Amino acid sequence: MPIKDAGKKAMRSDVKKRSKNLRRSRTFKMLVKEIREYITSGDKKKAEETMPKVQKAIDKATKAGVLNKNTASRKKSRLVSAIKKIS
């Protein structure tokens, strides 16, 4: 436990930041898992409908610093190319 007031305040803000980052991280991971299920099952229509939600979640995670921008770009690119490969 911190002793100084500044340390206590930093700890409070860290807890808030951690909860927000975890929420963003879980949301984007859940959506990526969902769209991957659609891709493996061959449901192109549902995958295309879900893609904007996934992109939004990835962008929010990137903005918050949960993901690196290049990682986010790579994930989005791979998902889009996987959707295009569905016949």
Protein backbone atom coordinates (compact mmCIF):
# COMPACT_ATOMS: atom_id res chain seq x y z
CA MET A 1 0.00 0.00 0.00
CA PRO A 2 1.28 3.45 -0.85
CA ILE A 3 1.94 5.83 2.00
CA LYS A 4 1.92 9.21 0.26
CA ASP A 5 -1.23 10.85 -1.06
CA ALA A 6 0.14 10.98 -4.60
CA GLY A 7 0.80 7.25 -4.50
CA LYS A 8 -2.72 6.57 -3.25
CA LYS A 9 -4.20 8.68 -6.02
CA ALA A 10 -2.02 6.95 -8.63
CA MET A 11 -3.20 3.59 -7.34
CA ARG A 12 -6.86 4.64 -7.64
CA SER A 13 -6.37 5.82 -11.21
CA ASP A 14 -4.45 2.64 -12.08
CA VAL A 15 -7.39 0.54 -10.93
CA LYS A 16 -9.78 2.54 -13.13
CA LYS A 17 -7.47 2.37 -16.14
CA ARG A 18 -6.95 -1.36 -15.68
CA SER A 19 -10.69 -2.04 -15.59
CA LYS A 20 -11.28 0.03 -18.75
CA ASN A 21 -8.40 -1.65 -20.56
CA LEU A 22 -9.58 -5.12 -19.54
CA ARG A 23 -13.09 -4.31 -20.75
CA ARG A 24 -11.78 -3.13 -24.13
CA SER A 25 -9.46 -6.11 -24.43
CA ARG A 26 -12.16 -8.65 -23.58
CA THR A 27 -14.64 -7.03 -25.96
CA PHE A 28 -12.31 -7.14 -28.93
CA LYS A 29 -11.12 -10.67 -28.16
CA MET A 30 -14.71 -11.90 -27.82
CA LEU A 31 -15.71 -10.34 -31.14
CA VAL A 32 -12.65 -11.71 -32.93
CA LYS A 33 -13.46 -15.18 -31.60
CA GLU A 34 -17.07 -14.79 -32.76
CA ILE A 35 -16.11 -13.73 -36.28
CA ARG A 36 -13.56 -16.55 -36.52
CA GLU A 37 -16.37 -19.02 -35.72
CA TYR A 38 -18.41 -17.56 -38.57
CA ILE A 39 -15.42 -17.84 -40.90
CA THR A 40 -14.72 -21.47 -40.02
CA SER A 41 -18.40 -22.40 -40.37
CA GLY A 42 -18.50 -20.66 -43.77
CA ASP A 43 -21.18 -18.11 -42.85
CA LYS A 44 -19.99 -15.20 -44.98
CA LYS A 45 -23.07 -13.03 -44.45
CA LYS A 46 -22.83 -13.05 -40.64
CA ALA A 47 -19.08 -12.52 -40.80
CA GLU A 48 -19.54 -9.44 -43.00
CA GLU A 49 -22.25 -8.11 -40.67
CA THR A 50 -19.99 -8.55 -37.63
CA MET A 51 -16.85 -7.06 -39.20
CA PRO A 52 -17.72 -3.36 -38.53
CA LYS A 53 -18.23 -4.16 -34.84
CA VAL A 54 -14.88 -5.94 -34.72
CA GLN A 55 -13.10 -3.06 -36.45
CA LYS A 56 -14.64 -0.58 -34.03
CA ALA A 57 -13.58 -2.66 -31.01
CA ILE A 58 -10.05 -3.05 -32.36
CA ASP A 59 -9.80 0.69 -33.05
CA LYS A 60 -10.98 1.53 -29.54
CA ALA A 61 -8.46 -0.88 -28.04
CA THR A 62 -5.74 0.73 -30.15
CA LYS A 63 -6.76 4.23 -29.10
CA ALA A 64 -6.62 3.18 -25.45
CA GLY A 65 -3.15 1.71 -25.88
CA VAL A 66 -4.23 -1.90 -25.38
CA LEU A 67 -3.01 -2.80 -28.88
CA ASN A 68 -0.23 -1.43 -31.03
CA LYS A 69 -1.50 0.25 -34.21
CA ASN A 70 0.42 -2.15 -36.45
CA THR A 71 -0.99 -5.15 -34.57
CA ALA A 72 -4.50 -3.77 -34.96
CA SER A 73 -3.97 -3.17 -38.65
CA ARG A 74 -2.63 -6.70 -39.13
CA LYS A 75 -5.57 -8.27 -37.27
CA LYS A 76 -8.15 -6.33 -39.30
CA SER A 77 -6.38 -7.14 -42.57
CA ARG A 78 -6.21 -10.86 -41.83
CA LEU A 79 -9.87 -11.01 -40.83
CA VAL A 80 -10.98 -9.21 -43.99
CA SER A 81 -8.87 -11.47 -46.20
CA ALA A 82 -10.24 -14.55 -44.40
CA ILE A 83 -13.80 -13.34 -45.03
CA LYS A 84 -13.02 -12.80 -48.73
CA LYS A 85 -11.75 -16.38 -49.03
CA ILE A 86 -15.12 -17.81 -47.95
CA SER A 87 -16.89 -19.12 -51.03
